[in-house]
Amino acid sequence: MEAKAYLKYARISPRKVKFLLDLIRGKDADVAMAILKNTPKGASPYLVKLLGSAIANAENNHQMDRSKLYVSECFVTPGPTLKRIRPRAKGSADRILKRTSHVTIAVAERK
């Protein structure tokens, strides 16, 4: 049994989120939370809140013991891309792609 939490349409590139998810995959929940709180990356606040939500779901909805929880699964998929225009010289334009992310974190109890 595992408890999941989802973050959809986060306004951060999936590439930036993936770096942090690779750091916490398979770690104990408390260790993963400490890593996220002490990593100076832009995705950290999103993932701290999301991991906290997954832990709360495990405790309240599935009656799991917090001390036994670990990050069993975590991944990010790209969401819709917002396309914007930046004016350039001679009346031309460049495209700016503002990427979004869908993040999933699952926690489970160690046996």
N, C-alpha and C. Protein backbone atom coordinates (compact mmCIF):
# COMPACT_ATOMS: atom_id res chain seq x y z
N MET A 1 0.85 -1.18 0.00
CA MET A 1 0.00 0.00 0.00
C MET A 1 0.89 1.24 0.00
N GLU A 2 0.52 2.20 -0.80
CA GLU A 2 1.26 3.46 -0.82
C GLU A 2 0.30 4.63 -0.91
N ALA A 3 0.74 5.75 -0.38
CA ALA A 3 -0.05 6.97 -0.42
C ALA A 3 0.61 7.92 -1.41
N LYS A 4 -0.21 8.57 -2.23
CA LYS A 4 0.32 9.44 -3.27
C LYS A 4 -0.16 10.87 -3.08
N ALA A 5 0.61 11.78 -3.66
CA ALA A 5 0.21 13.18 -3.73
C ALA A 5 0.63 13.69 -5.11
N TYR A 6 -0.21 14.55 -5.68
CA TYR A 6 0.02 15.06 -7.03
C TYR A 6 0.11 16.58 -7.01
N LEU A 7 0.97 17.10 -7.85
CA LEU A 7 1.05 18.54 -8.09
C LEU A 7 0.92 18.72 -9.59
N LYS A 8 -0.11 19.41 -10.01
CA LYS A 8 -0.34 19.60 -11.44
C LYS A 8 -0.20 21.06 -11.82
N TYR A 9 0.26 21.27 -13.02
CA TYR A 9 0.40 22.62 -13.62
C TYR A 9 1.35 23.52 -12.83
N ALA A 10 2.40 22.95 -12.25
CA ALA A 10 3.39 23.76 -11.54
C ALA A 10 4.18 24.55 -12.58
N ARG A 11 4.38 25.85 -12.34
CA ARG A 11 5.06 26.70 -13.31
C ARG A 11 6.57 26.62 -13.14
N ILE A 12 7.10 25.42 -13.35
CA ILE A 12 8.54 25.20 -13.33
C ILE A 12 8.85 24.09 -14.33
N SER A 13 9.99 24.17 -14.95
CA SER A 13 10.37 23.22 -15.97
C SER A 13 10.56 21.82 -15.38
N PRO A 14 10.11 20.77 -16.07
CA PRO A 14 10.29 19.41 -15.56
C PRO A 14 11.77 19.05 -15.36
N ARG A 15 12.62 19.62 -16.16
CA ARG A 15 14.05 19.33 -16.05
C ARG A 15 14.61 19.78 -14.70
N LYS A 16 14.12 20.90 -14.20
CA LYS A 16 14.58 21.42 -12.91
C LYS A 16 14.04 20.58 -11.75
N VAL A 17 12.84 20.05 -11.92
CA VAL A 17 12.22 19.24 -10.87
C VAL A 17 12.88 17.86 -10.80
N LYS A 18 13.21 17.30 -11.97
CA LYS A 18 13.77 15.96 -12.04
C LYS A 18 15.06 15.84 -11.24
N PHE A 19 15.86 16.89 -11.25
CA PHE A 19 17.12 16.87 -10.51
C PHE A 19 16.88 16.60 -9.02
N LEU A 20 15.89 17.26 -8.43
CA LEU A 20 15.60 17.07 -7.01
C LEU A 20 14.94 15.72 -6.73
N LEU A 21 14.09 15.28 -7.65
CA LEU A 21 13.44 13.98 -7.43
C LEU A 21 14.47 12.85 -7.43
N ASP A 22 15.52 12.99 -8.24
CA ASP A 22 16.57 11.97 -8.25
C ASP A 22 17.31 11.92 -6.91
N LEU A 23 17.37 13.07 -6.21
CA LEU A 23 18.05 13.11 -4.91
C LEU A 23 17.27 12.36 -3.82
N ILE A 24 15.93 12.39 -3.89
CA ILE A 24 15.13 11.84 -2.79
C ILE A 24 14.55 10.46 -3.06
N ARG A 25 14.66 9.96 -4.27
CA ARG A 25 14.05 8.67 -4.61
C ARG A 25 14.64 7.55 -3.75
N GLY A 26 13.77 6.80 -3.05
CA GLY A 26 14.20 5.67 -2.22
C GLY A 26 14.64 6.03 -0.81
N LYS A 27 14.69 7.31 -0.48
CA LYS A 27 15.14 7.74 0.86
C LYS A 27 13.97 7.69 1.85
N ASP A 28 14.30 7.63 3.15
CA ASP A 28 13.28 7.74 4.18
C ASP A 28 12.59 9.10 4.06
N ALA A 29 11.34 9.18 4.47
CA ALA A 29 10.56 10.40 4.28
C ALA A 29 11.17 11.59 5.03
N ASP A 30 11.63 11.36 6.26
CA ASP A 30 12.21 12.46 7.03
C ASP A 30 13.54 12.92 6.44
N VAL A 31 14.33 11.98 5.95
CA VAL A 31 15.61 12.33 5.31
C VAL A 31 15.35 13.09 4.01
N ALA A 32 14.36 12.63 3.24
CA ALA A 32 14.01 13.30 1.99
C ALA A 32 13.54 14.73 2.25
N MET A 33 12.76 14.91 3.30
CA MET A 33 12.28 16.25 3.65
C MET A 33 13.46 17.16 4.03
N ALA A 34 14.41 16.63 4.78
CA ALA A 34 15.58 17.41 5.16
C ALA A 34 16.42 17.78 3.94
N ILE A 35 16.57 16.86 3.00
CA ILE A 35 17.32 17.15 1.77
C ILE A 35 16.65 18.27 0.99
N LEU A 36 15.34 18.19 0.86
CA LEU A 36 14.62 19.22 0.09
C LEU A 36 14.68 20.59 0.76
N LYS A 37 14.57 20.61 2.08
CA LYS A 37 14.60 21.89 2.79
C LYS A 37 15.97 22.56 2.73
N ASN A 38 17.04 21.78 2.54
CA ASN A 38 18.38 22.33 2.55
C ASN A 38 19.02 22.40 1.16
N THR A 39 18.23 22.18 0.12
CA THR A 39 18.75 22.27 -1.24
C THR A 39 18.27 23.59 -1.86
N PRO A 40 19.20 24.47 -2.23
CA PRO A 40 18.80 25.79 -2.75
C PRO A 40 18.44 25.76 -4.23
N LYS A 41 17.35 25.11 -4.55
CA LYS A 41 16.87 25.05 -5.93
C LYS A 41 15.46 25.62 -5.99
N GLY A 42 15.06 26.07 -7.15
CA GLY A 42 13.74 26.69 -7.30
C GLY A 42 12.58 25.74 -7.09
N ALA A 43 12.81 24.45 -7.33
CA ALA A 43 11.73 23.46 -7.18
C ALA A 43 11.55 23.00 -5.74
N SER A 44 12.48 23.34 -4.86
CA SER A 44 12.42 22.85 -3.48
C SER A 44 11.13 23.19 -2.75
N PRO A 45 10.65 24.45 -2.78
CA PRO A 45 9.41 24.75 -2.05
C PRO A 45 8.21 23.94 -2.55
N TYR A 46 8.12 23.72 -3.87
CA TYR A 46 7.03 22.90 -4.42
C TYR A 46 7.10 21.48 -3.85
N LEU A 47 8.31 20.90 -3.85
CA LEU A 47 8.45 19.50 -3.46
C LEU A 47 8.35 19.29 -1.95
N VAL A 48 8.76 20.28 -1.15
CA VAL A 48 8.59 20.18 0.30
C VAL A 48 7.11 20.08 0.64
N LYS A 49 6.34 20.94 0.02
CA LYS A 49 4.89 20.95 0.28
C LYS A 49 4.24 19.66 -0.22
N LEU A 50 4.67 19.19 -1.39
CA LEU A 50 4.09 17.97 -1.96
C LEU A 50 4.44 16.73 -1.14
N LEU A 51 5.70 16.63 -0.70
CA LEU A 51 6.10 15.49 0.14
C LEU A 51 5.36 15.52 1.47
N GLY A 52 5.18 16.71 2.04
CA GLY A 52 4.41 16.84 3.28
C GLY A 52 2.98 16.35 3.09
N SER A 53 2.41 16.65 1.94
CA SER A 53 1.05 16.21 1.64
C SER A 53 0.98 14.69 1.50
N ALA A 54 1.98 14.09 0.85
CA ALA A 54 2.00 12.64 0.70
C ALA A 54 2.14 11.94 2.06
N ILE A 55 2.96 12.51 2.93
CA ILE A 55 3.13 11.95 4.28
C ILE A 55 1.83 12.06 5.07
N ALA A 56 1.17 13.22 4.97
CA ALA A 56 -0.11 13.40 5.66
C ALA A 56 -1.17 12.44 5.14
N ASN A 57 -1.19 12.22 3.82
CA ASN A 57 -2.14 11.26 3.25
C ASN A 57 -1.88 9.86 3.80
N ALA A 58 -0.62 9.49 3.95
CA ALA A 58 -0.29 8.16 4.46
C ALA A 58 -0.75 8.00 5.91
N GLU A 59 -0.53 9.04 6.72
CA GLU A 59 -0.90 8.96 8.14
C GLU A 59 -2.41 8.99 8.33
N ASN A 60 -3.08 9.89 7.65
CA ASN A 60 -4.51 10.11 7.91
C ASN A 60 -5.43 9.18 7.14
N ASN A 61 -5.08 8.86 5.89
CA ASN A 61 -5.98 8.05 5.06
C ASN A 61 -5.67 6.56 5.11
N HIS A 62 -4.40 6.20 5.37
CA HIS A 62 -4.01 4.79 5.33
C HIS A 62 -3.45 4.29 6.66
N GLN A 63 -3.45 5.11 7.70
CA GLN A 63 -2.99 4.75 9.04
C GLN A 63 -1.59 4.13 9.02
N MET A 64 -0.69 4.73 8.26
CA MET A 64 0.70 4.26 8.22
C MET A 64 1.51 4.96 9.31
N ASP A 65 2.59 4.31 9.72
CA ASP A 65 3.48 4.87 10.73
C ASP A 65 4.51 5.78 10.06
N ARG A 66 4.57 7.03 10.50
CA ARG A 66 5.44 8.02 9.85
C ARG A 66 6.92 7.62 9.90
N SER A 67 7.34 6.98 10.98
CA SER A 67 8.76 6.63 11.12
C SER A 67 9.20 5.55 10.13
N LYS A 68 8.26 4.81 9.55
CA LYS A 68 8.60 3.74 8.60
C LYS A 68 8.44 4.16 7.14
N LEU A 69 8.02 5.39 6.90
CA LEU A 69 7.74 5.81 5.52
C LEU A 69 9.01 6.10 4.73
N TYR A 70 8.96 5.77 3.45
CA TYR A 70 10.04 6.14 2.52
C TYR A 70 9.43 6.53 1.18
N VAL A 71 10.19 7.23 0.37
CA VAL A 71 9.72 7.67 -0.95
C VAL A 71 9.83 6.50 -1.90
N SER A 72 8.71 5.85 -2.19
CA SER A 72 8.74 4.64 -3.01
C SER A 72 8.73 4.97 -4.50
N GLU A 73 8.14 6.10 -4.85
CA GLU A 73 8.02 6.45 -6.27
C GLU A 73 7.94 7.96 -6.38
N CYS A 74 8.65 8.53 -7.34
CA CYS A 74 8.53 9.96 -7.60
C CYS A 74 8.95 10.22 -9.05
N PHE A 75 8.12 10.96 -9.74
CA PHE A 75 8.44 11.27 -11.13
C PHE A 75 7.75 12.57 -11.54
N VAL A 76 8.22 13.12 -12.65
CA VAL A 76 7.66 14.35 -13.19
C VAL A 76 7.39 14.15 -14.67
N THR A 77 6.26 14.67 -15.12
CA THR A 77 5.93 14.65 -16.54
C THR A 77 5.65 16.08 -16.98
N PRO A 78 5.91 16.40 -18.24
CA PRO A 78 5.66 17.77 -18.69
C PRO A 78 4.16 18.05 -18.80
N GLY A 79 3.78 19.24 -18.38
CA GLY A 79 2.41 19.69 -18.54
C GLY A 79 2.32 20.54 -19.80
N PRO A 80 1.23 21.26 -19.98
CA PRO A 80 1.10 22.10 -21.16
C PRO A 80 2.11 23.25 -21.14
N THR A 81 2.61 23.60 -22.30
CA THR A 81 3.59 24.66 -22.42
C THR A 81 2.89 25.95 -22.83
N LEU A 82 3.16 27.02 -22.08
CA LEU A 82 2.60 28.33 -22.42
C LEU A 82 3.54 28.98 -23.43
N LYS A 83 3.00 29.40 -24.55
CA LYS A 83 3.83 29.99 -25.60
C LYS A 83 3.67 31.50 -25.59
N ARG A 84 4.79 32.19 -25.49
CA ARG A 84 4.79 33.65 -25.44
C ARG A 84 5.73 34.18 -26.52
N ILE A 85 5.56 35.45 -26.86
CA ILE A 85 6.35 36.09 -27.92
C ILE A 85 7.22 37.18 -27.32
N ARG A 86 8.49 37.25 -27.76
CA ARG A 86 9.40 38.31 -27.37
C ARG A 86 9.77 39.09 -28.63
N PRO A 87 9.48 40.38 -28.66
CA PRO A 87 9.83 41.17 -29.85
C PRO A 87 11.35 41.21 -30.08
N ARG A 88 11.73 41.14 -31.34
CA ARG A 88 13.14 41.19 -31.71
C ARG A 88 13.35 42.27 -32.78
N ALA A 89 14.54 42.34 -33.28
CA ALA A 89 14.89 43.39 -34.24
C ALA A 89 14.15 43.23 -35.57
N LYS A 90 13.93 44.35 -36.25
CA LYS A 90 13.34 44.39 -37.59
C LYS A 90 11.94 43.78 -37.63
N GLY A 91 11.19 43.90 -36.57
CA GLY A 91 9.80 43.44 -36.55
C GLY A 91 9.62 41.95 -36.41
N SER A 92 10.69 41.22 -36.15
CA SER A 92 10.54 39.78 -36.00
C SER A 92 10.23 39.45 -34.53
N ALA A 93 10.08 38.17 -34.25
CA ALA A 93 9.73 37.76 -32.89
C ALA A 93 10.38 36.43 -32.57
N ASP A 94 10.70 36.24 -31.31
CA ASP A 94 11.21 34.95 -30.82
C ASP A 94 10.13 34.33 -29.94
N ARG A 95 10.12 33.01 -29.93
CA ARG A 95 9.19 32.29 -29.07
C ARG A 95 9.81 32.07 -27.71
N ILE A 96 9.02 32.25 -26.68
CA ILE A 96 9.42 31.90 -25.32
C ILE A 96 8.49 30.79 -24.86
N LEU A 97 9.06 29.68 -24.43
CA LEU A 97 8.26 28.54 -23.97
C LEU A 97 8.30 28.51 -22.45
N LYS A 98 7.16 28.73 -21.83
CA LYS A 98 7.05 28.69 -20.38
C LYS A 98 6.49 27.31 -20.02
N ARG A 99 7.38 26.47 -19.55
CA ARG A 99 7.02 25.06 -19.34
C ARG A 99 6.34 24.85 -17.99
N THR A 100 5.48 23.83 -17.93
CA THR A 100 4.81 23.46 -16.69
C THR A 100 5.08 21.98 -16.41
N SER A 101 4.82 21.56 -15.17
CA SER A 101 5.13 20.20 -14.74
C SER A 101 3.96 19.59 -13.99
N HIS A 102 3.84 18.27 -14.12
CA HIS A 102 2.96 17.47 -13.28
C HIS A 102 3.87 16.55 -12.47
N VAL A 103 3.82 16.68 -11.14
CA VAL A 103 4.72 15.90 -10.27
C VAL A 103 3.91 14.92 -9.43
N THR A 104 4.41 13.70 -9.29
CA THR A 104 3.79 12.68 -8.45
C THR A 104 4.81 12.15 -7.45
N ILE A 105 4.41 12.10 -6.18
CA ILE A 105 5.25 11.50 -5.15
C ILE A 105 4.42 10.47 -4.39
N ALA A 106 4.98 9.27 -4.22
CA ALA A 106 4.30 8.21 -3.48
C ALA A 106 5.20 7.77 -2.33
N VAL A 107 4.60 7.57 -1.16
CA VAL A 107 5.33 7.06 -0.01
C VAL A 107 4.71 5.74 0.43
N ALA A 108 5.55 4.84 0.93
CA ALA A 108 5.09 3.54 1.41
C ALA A 108 5.84 3.19 2.68
N GLU A 109 5.33 2.18 3.39
CA GLU A 109 5.99 1.73 4.63
C GLU A 109 7.04 0.68 4.31
N ARG A 110 8.17 0.79 5.01
CA ARG A 110 9.19 -0.25 4.89
C ARG A 110 8.73 -1.48 5.67
N LYS A 111 9.03 -2.63 5.15
CA LYS A 111 8.62 -3.88 5.82
C LYS A 111 9.53 -4.19 6.98
